[in-house]
Amino acid sequence: MTTVATIRDTGRLDDTTAADIASRWNAAYPTMRTILTASINGVRDRIRREGWTQDALPKSDWGSSKDLGAKVARLEGLRRSLGQLDRGTYRGCTRSPGGFSPVSAYWAVRDVLAATSIGDRNLAPVYELAAILSFVSDSLQRELATRHSA
């Protein structure tokens, strides 16, 4: 469960915005974890059922949507990133301190939405979270562009 303090730790968001993100994050996070876990288990089941192996795939398809091993790895990485964002330990690169990144959170939520299927339920909180993170991300990117152009 993320907190306002975790989100404010970057020092770039006000208390109201941080509280809004924290409440929406905490409402959406269990659904996002459930979606990713179901997706990972579904791909793993398909691999077992079809007897899929990396060796049977032409090298030109490695890393593509046909590469089920790579798909599992991407989904597991996304789930891990969400957990790190939730705990405030996410590191965008090896040199950055751990914390909550609204921009990285926005990208992660978008990737979760891309992994959804027609049968997924309780997506409204995830879309609401994506919306607020979109506004915050846009604002932060504009601020950064202004600083670089000055």
Protein backbone atom coordinates (compact mmCIF):
# COMPACT_ATOMS: atom_id res chain seq x y z
CA MET A 1 0.00 0.00 0.00
CA THR A 2 1.52 3.26 -1.09
CA THR A 3 1.21 6.44 0.95
CA VAL A 4 1.14 10.16 0.31
CA ALA A 5 4.62 10.39 1.84
CA THR A 6 5.93 7.77 -0.61
CA ILE A 7 4.56 9.70 -3.57
CA ARG A 8 5.64 13.10 -2.19
CA ASP A 9 9.17 11.79 -1.66
CA THR A 10 10.16 13.01 -5.11
CA GLY A 11 9.40 16.55 -3.95
CA ARG A 12 7.76 17.39 -7.26
CA LEU A 13 4.11 16.92 -6.30
CA ASP A 14 1.87 18.82 -3.91
CA ASP A 15 -0.02 17.11 -1.08
CA THR A 16 -3.39 17.18 -2.85
CA THR A 17 -2.06 15.56 -6.02
CA ALA A 18 -0.05 13.01 -4.04
CA ALA A 19 -3.12 12.11 -1.96
CA ASP A 20 -5.21 11.71 -5.12
CA ILE A 21 -2.61 9.44 -6.71
CA ALA A 22 -2.18 7.41 -3.51
CA SER A 23 -5.91 6.77 -3.09
CA ARG A 24 -6.35 5.83 -6.75
CA TRP A 25 -3.20 3.69 -6.72
CA ASN A 26 -4.37 1.77 -3.66
CA ALA A 27 -7.78 1.21 -5.27
CA ALA A 28 -6.29 -0.01 -8.57
CA TYR A 29 -3.19 -1.92 -7.44
CA PRO A 30 -4.92 -5.19 -6.41
CA THR A 31 -6.73 -5.33 -9.76
CA MET A 32 -3.52 -4.68 -11.69
CA ARG A 33 -1.71 -7.46 -9.77
CA THR A 34 -4.61 -9.85 -10.40
CA ILE A 35 -4.63 -9.07 -14.13
CA LEU A 36 -0.88 -9.59 -14.47
CA THR A 37 -0.87 -12.79 -12.40
CA ALA A 38 -3.71 -14.21 -14.51
CA SER A 39 -1.90 -13.21 -17.72
CA ILE A 40 1.37 -14.78 -16.56
CA ASN A 41 -0.37 -17.98 -15.50
CA GLY A 42 -2.27 -18.08 -18.80
CA VAL A 43 0.89 -17.82 -20.88
CA ARG A 44 2.67 -20.41 -18.69
CA ASP A 45 -0.29 -22.78 -19.08
CA ARG A 46 -0.18 -22.27 -22.85
CA ILE A 47 3.56 -23.03 -22.87
CA ARG A 48 2.95 -26.28 -20.95
CA ARG A 49 -0.13 -27.23 -22.99
CA GLU A 50 1.51 -26.63 -26.36
CA GLY A 51 4.95 -27.87 -25.37
CA TRP A 52 6.35 -24.56 -26.57
CA THR A 53 10.11 -24.12 -26.48
CA GLN A 54 12.40 -21.27 -27.44
CA ASP A 55 14.39 -23.65 -29.66
CA ALA A 56 11.38 -24.23 -31.93
CA LEU A 57 11.08 -20.51 -32.65
CA PRO A 58 13.05 -19.01 -35.56
CA LYS A 59 15.66 -16.52 -34.33
CA SER A 60 13.89 -13.77 -36.27
CA ASP A 61 10.88 -14.18 -33.93
CA TRP A 62 12.82 -14.06 -30.66
CA GLY A 63 11.45 -11.24 -28.53
CA SER A 64 8.37 -10.86 -30.75
CA SER A 65 4.76 -11.52 -29.78
CA LYS A 66 5.32 -15.14 -30.87
CA ASP A 67 8.02 -15.55 -28.21
CA LEU A 68 6.01 -16.79 -25.22
CA GLY A 69 9.08 -16.92 -22.98
CA ALA A 70 9.79 -13.25 -23.64
CA LYS A 71 6.13 -12.43 -23.02
CA VAL A 72 6.23 -14.10 -19.59
CA ALA A 73 9.45 -12.24 -18.78
CA ARG A 74 7.91 -8.88 -19.79
CA LEU A 75 4.77 -9.50 -17.71
CA GLU A 76 6.82 -10.62 -14.70
CA GLY A 77 9.03 -7.53 -15.04
CA LEU A 78 5.95 -5.32 -15.18
CA ARG A 79 4.48 -6.98 -12.07
CA ARG A 80 7.81 -6.52 -10.27
CA SER A 81 7.92 -2.83 -11.27
CA LEU A 82 4.39 -2.31 -9.96
CA GLY A 83 5.39 -3.84 -6.65
CA GLN A 84 8.43 -1.59 -6.44
CA LEU A 85 6.32 1.47 -7.26
CA ASP A 86 3.84 0.42 -4.58
CA ARG A 87 6.61 0.10 -1.97
CA GLY A 88 8.39 3.26 -3.12
CA THR A 89 11.53 1.36 -4.06
CA TYR A 90 11.29 1.68 -7.86
CA ARG A 91 14.53 2.67 -9.57
CA GLY A 92 14.24 3.96 -13.12
CA CYS A 93 17.94 3.31 -13.61
CA THR A 94 20.78 1.93 -11.52
CA ARG A 95 21.92 5.41 -10.50
CA SER A 96 18.56 6.73 -9.36
CA PRO A 97 17.43 6.52 -5.75
CA GLY A 98 14.44 4.29 -5.08
CA GLY A 99 11.07 5.98 -4.95
CA PHE A 100 7.71 6.46 -6.63
CA SER A 101 7.94 7.90 -10.13
CA PRO A 102 4.66 9.26 -11.53
CA VAL A 103 5.99 9.01 -15.09
CA SER A 104 7.15 5.40 -14.66
CA ALA A 105 3.87 4.59 -12.89
CA TYR A 106 1.97 6.00 -15.86
CA TRP A 107 3.92 3.81 -18.28
CA ALA A 108 3.40 0.75 -16.08
CA VAL A 109 -0.35 1.33 -15.80
CA ARG A 110 -0.57 1.74 -19.58
CA ASP A 111 1.26 -1.58 -20.01
CA VAL A 112 -1.17 -3.23 -17.58
CA LEU A 113 -4.09 -1.93 -19.59
CA ALA A 114 -2.48 -3.32 -22.74
CA ALA A 115 -2.37 -6.74 -21.04
CA THR A 116 -6.08 -6.75 -20.18
CA SER A 117 -8.63 -8.90 -21.91
CA ILE A 118 -12.34 -8.49 -22.54
CA GLY A 119 -13.12 -10.65 -19.50
CA ASP A 120 -11.19 -8.55 -16.96
CA ARG A 121 -13.35 -6.85 -14.35
CA ASN A 122 -12.93 -3.86 -12.00
CA LEU A 123 -10.95 -1.84 -14.55
CA ALA A 124 -12.56 1.53 -13.69
CA PRO A 125 -10.03 2.28 -10.89
CA VAL A 126 -7.16 1.39 -13.23
CA TYR A 127 -8.44 3.78 -15.91
CA GLU A 128 -8.96 6.50 -13.28
CA LEU A 129 -5.38 5.99 -12.10
CA ALA A 130 -4.12 6.15 -15.69
CA ALA A 131 -5.97 9.43 -16.18
CA ILE A 132 -4.50 11.18 -13.13
CA LEU A 133 -1.02 9.84 -13.89
CA SER A 134 -1.39 11.07 -17.47
CA PHE A 135 -2.12 14.61 -16.30
CA VAL A 136 0.72 14.56 -13.77
CA SER A 137 3.15 13.05 -16.28
CA ASP A 138 2.27 15.66 -18.90
CA SER A 139 2.77 18.44 -16.37
CA LEU A 140 6.14 17.07 -15.25
CA GLN A 141 7.31 16.63 -18.84
CA ARG A 142 6.30 20.21 -19.71
CA GLU A 143 8.16 21.48 -16.63
CA LEU A 144 11.25 19.52 -17.66
CA ALA A 145 11.06 20.83 -21.24
CA THR A 146 10.76 24.40 -19.96
CA ARG A 147 13.83 23.97 -17.77
CA HIS A 148 15.87 22.56 -20.66
CA SER A 149 14.84 25.29 -23.08
CA ALA A 150 15.74 28.11 -20.66
